[in-house]
């Protein structure tokens, strides 16, 4: 999966879901949790939150100042490594829903 970031003016928001393989859920939790603080410190990161739903799937919400900021994030070595190895953790590929903010 190549993550194709939509080109838009202004803020880019998304909700993603990662459905772990049962035997890899704990490792995926550790890995995704390790991304939270560094990502929040990146230039252009307006919000980055990781959640777990009742089914044990990981849901993340992200808000970026611009498409360029999100693309820069996705090109970081640890994000490229995750993109390349993600299917060793997941029972199906990441689901990403792109959102358009309606607030001013």
C-alpha atoms as a PDB file:
ATOM      1  CA  UNK A   1       0.000   0.000   0.000  1.00  0.00           C
ATOM      2  CA  UNK A   2       1.296   3.375  -0.971  1.00  0.00           C
ATOM      3  CA  UNK A   3      -0.263   6.104   1.092  1.00  0.00           C
ATOM      4  CA  UNK A   4      -1.465   8.684  -1.389  1.00  0.00           C
ATOM      5  CA  UNK A   5      -1.996  11.866   0.555  1.00  0.00           C
ATOM      6  CA  UNK A   6      -4.692  14.020  -1.012  1.00  0.00           C
ATOM      7  CA  UNK A   7      -3.416  17.352  -2.230  1.00  0.00           C
ATOM      8  CA  UNK A   8      -5.367  20.115  -0.575  1.00  0.00           C
ATOM      9  CA  UNK A   9      -4.910  23.574   0.736  1.00  0.00           C
ATOM     10  CA  UNK A  10      -4.741  23.822   4.493  1.00  0.00           C
ATOM     11  CA  UNK A  11      -5.254  21.200   7.159  1.00  0.00           C
ATOM     12  CA  UNK A  12      -5.183  17.479   6.354  1.00  0.00           C
ATOM     13  CA  UNK A  13      -7.021  15.134   8.727  1.00  0.00           C
ATOM     14  CA  UNK A  14      -7.436  11.389   8.745  1.00  0.00           C
ATOM     15  CA  UNK A  15      -8.640   8.418  10.720  1.00  0.00           C
ATOM     16  CA  UNK A  16      -6.766   5.168  10.268  1.00  0.00           C
ATOM     17  CA  UNK A  17      -7.457   1.659  11.497  1.00  0.00           C
ATOM     18  CA  UNK A  18      -4.878  -1.057  12.016  1.00  0.00           C
ATOM     19  CA  UNK A  19      -6.319  -4.556  12.584  1.00  0.00           C
ATOM     20  CA  UNK A  20      -3.579  -6.644  14.187  1.00  0.00           C
ATOM     21  CA  UNK A  21      -2.937 -10.313  13.782  1.00  0.00           C
ATOM     22  CA  UNK A  22      -3.888 -11.822  17.166  1.00  0.00           C
ATOM     23  CA  UNK A  23      -0.359 -13.029  17.919  1.00  0.00           C
ATOM     24  CA  UNK A  24       1.141  -9.635  16.931  1.00  0.00           C
ATOM     25  CA  UNK A  25      -1.272  -7.284  18.743  1.00  0.00           C
ATOM     26  CA  UNK A  26       1.018  -6.626  21.721  1.00  0.00           C
ATOM     27  CA  UNK A  27       4.017  -5.927  19.484  1.00  0.00           C
ATOM     28  CA  UNK A  28       1.955  -3.624  17.276  1.00  0.00           C
ATOM     29  CA  UNK A  29       0.693  -1.744  20.338  1.00  0.00           C
ATOM     30  CA  UNK A  30       4.284  -1.130  21.460  1.00  0.00           C
ATOM     31  CA  UNK A  31       5.343  -0.037  17.979  1.00  0.00           C
ATOM     32  CA  UNK A  32       2.411   2.325  17.391  1.00  0.00           C
ATOM     33  CA  UNK A  33       2.745   3.776  20.882  1.00  0.00           C
ATOM     34  CA  UNK A  34       6.407   4.515  20.166  1.00  0.00           C
ATOM     35  CA  UNK A  35       5.314   6.760  17.288  1.00  0.00           C
ATOM     36  CA  UNK A  36       3.037   9.024  19.345  1.00  0.00           C
ATOM     37  CA  UNK A  37       5.368  11.444  21.132  1.00  0.00           C
ATOM     38  CA  UNK A  38       7.899  11.855  18.297  1.00  0.00           C
ATOM     39  CA  UNK A  39       5.080  12.478  15.833  1.00  0.00           C
ATOM     40  CA  UNK A  40       3.454  15.075  18.067  1.00  0.00           C
ATOM     41  CA  UNK A  41       6.801  16.912  18.148  1.00  0.00           C
ATOM     42  CA  UNK A  42       7.114  17.076  14.349  1.00  0.00           C
ATOM     43  CA  UNK A  43       6.681  20.402  12.565  1.00  0.00           C
ATOM     44  CA  UNK A  44       3.139  20.656  11.240  1.00  0.00           C
ATOM     45  CA  UNK A  45       1.625  18.012  13.533  1.00  0.00           C
ATOM     46  CA  UNK A  46      -1.557  19.527  14.952  1.00  0.00           C
ATOM     47  CA  UNK A  47      -2.831  16.331  16.529  1.00  0.00           C
ATOM     48  CA  UNK A  48      -1.892  12.664  16.701  1.00  0.00           C
ATOM     49  CA  UNK A  49      -3.840  10.248  18.882  1.00  0.00           C
ATOM     50  CA  UNK A  50      -3.846   6.474  19.190  1.00  0.00           C
ATOM     51  CA  UNK A  51      -6.871   4.534  20.436  1.00  0.00           C
ATOM     52  CA  UNK A  52      -7.944   0.918  20.803  1.00  0.00           C
ATOM     53  CA  UNK A  53     -11.510  -0.117  20.053  1.00  0.00           C
ATOM     54  CA  UNK A  54     -13.563  -2.896  21.660  1.00  0.00           C
ATOM     55  CA  UNK A  55     -12.455  -5.379  18.975  1.00  0.00           C
ATOM     56  CA  UNK A  56      -8.767  -4.768  19.785  1.00  0.00           C
ATOM     57  CA  UNK A  57      -8.125  -2.775  16.623  1.00  0.00           C
ATOM     58  CA  UNK A  58      -5.954   0.321  16.793  1.00  0.00           C
ATOM     59  CA  UNK A  59      -7.493   3.556  15.567  1.00  0.00           C
ATOM     60  CA  UNK A  60      -5.399   6.645  15.064  1.00  0.00           C
ATOM     61  CA  UNK A  61      -6.462  10.179  14.323  1.00  0.00           C
ATOM     62  CA  UNK A  62      -4.103  12.657  12.751  1.00  0.00           C
ATOM     63  CA  UNK A  63      -4.278  16.340  11.904  1.00  0.00           C
ATOM     64  CA  UNK A  64      -1.557  18.032   9.891  1.00  0.00           C
ATOM     65  CA  UNK A  65      -1.030  21.672   8.970  1.00  0.00           C
ATOM     66  CA  UNK A  66      -0.496  20.747   5.311  1.00  0.00           C
ATOM     67  CA  UNK A  67      -0.107  17.958   2.799  1.00  0.00           C
ATOM     68  CA  UNK A  68       3.635  18.663   2.728  1.00  0.00           C
ATOM     69  CA  UNK A  69       3.900  18.178   6.511  1.00  0.00           C
ATOM     70  CA  UNK A  70       2.155  14.794   6.339  1.00  0.00           C
ATOM     71  CA  UNK A  71       4.252  13.690   3.359  1.00  0.00           C
ATOM     72  CA  UNK A  72       7.416  14.666   5.267  1.00  0.00           C
ATOM     73  CA  UNK A  73       6.192  12.566   8.232  1.00  0.00           C
ATOM     74  CA  UNK A  74       5.515   9.534   6.027  1.00  0.00           C
ATOM     75  CA  UNK A  75       9.019   9.792   4.526  1.00  0.00           C
ATOM     76  CA  UNK A  76      10.786   9.538   7.898  1.00  0.00           C
ATOM     77  CA  UNK A  77      12.860   6.351   8.239  1.00  0.00           C
ATOM     78  CA  UNK A  78      10.728   4.815  11.016  1.00  0.00           C
ATOM     79  CA  UNK A  79       7.532   5.441   9.040  1.00  0.00           C
ATOM     80  CA  UNK A  80       9.001   3.975   5.844  1.00  0.00           C
ATOM     81  CA  UNK A  81      10.122   0.929   7.843  1.00  0.00           C
ATOM     82  CA  UNK A  82       6.616   0.529   9.265  1.00  0.00           C
ATOM     83  CA  UNK A  83       5.009   0.871   5.853  1.00  0.00           C
ATOM     84  CA  UNK A  84       7.318  -1.841   4.525  1.00  0.00           C
ATOM     85  CA  UNK A  85       6.779  -4.266   7.440  1.00  0.00           C
ATOM     86  CA  UNK A  86       3.159  -3.500   8.348  1.00  0.00           C
ATOM     87  CA  UNK A  87       1.674  -6.698   6.943  1.00  0.00           C
ATOM     88  CA  UNK A  88       3.742  -8.756   9.384  1.00  0.00           C
ATOM     89  CA  UNK A  89       1.555  -7.148  12.091  1.00  0.00           C
ATOM     90  CA  UNK A  90      -1.803  -6.781  10.331  1.00  0.00           C
ATOM     91  CA  UNK A  91      -4.550  -9.182   9.293  1.00  0.00           C
ATOM     92  CA  UNK A  92      -5.585  -6.724   6.572  1.00  0.00           C
ATOM     93  CA  UNK A  93      -4.050  -3.549   5.242  1.00  0.00           C
ATOM     94  CA  UNK A  94      -4.440  -0.213   6.941  1.00  0.00           C
ATOM     95  CA  UNK A  95      -7.751   1.508   6.329  1.00  0.00           C
ATOM     96  CA  UNK A  96      -7.430   5.274   5.989  1.00  0.00           C
ATOM     97  CA  UNK A  97     -10.310   7.708   5.773  1.00  0.00           C
ATOM     98  CA  UNK A  98      -9.387  11.219   4.688  1.00  0.00           C
ATOM     99  CA  UNK A  99     -11.391  13.985   6.332  1.00  0.00           C
ATOM    100  CA  UNK A 100     -12.053  17.568   5.358  1.00  0.00           C
ATOM    101  CA  UNK A 101     -12.259  19.888   8.355  1.00  0.00           C
ATOM    102  CA  UNK A 102     -15.371  22.066   8.315  1.00  0.00           C
ATOM    103  CA  UNK A 103     -14.330  24.309  11.175  1.00  0.00           C
ATOM    104  CA  UNK A 104     -12.712  27.653  10.409  1.00  0.00           C
END
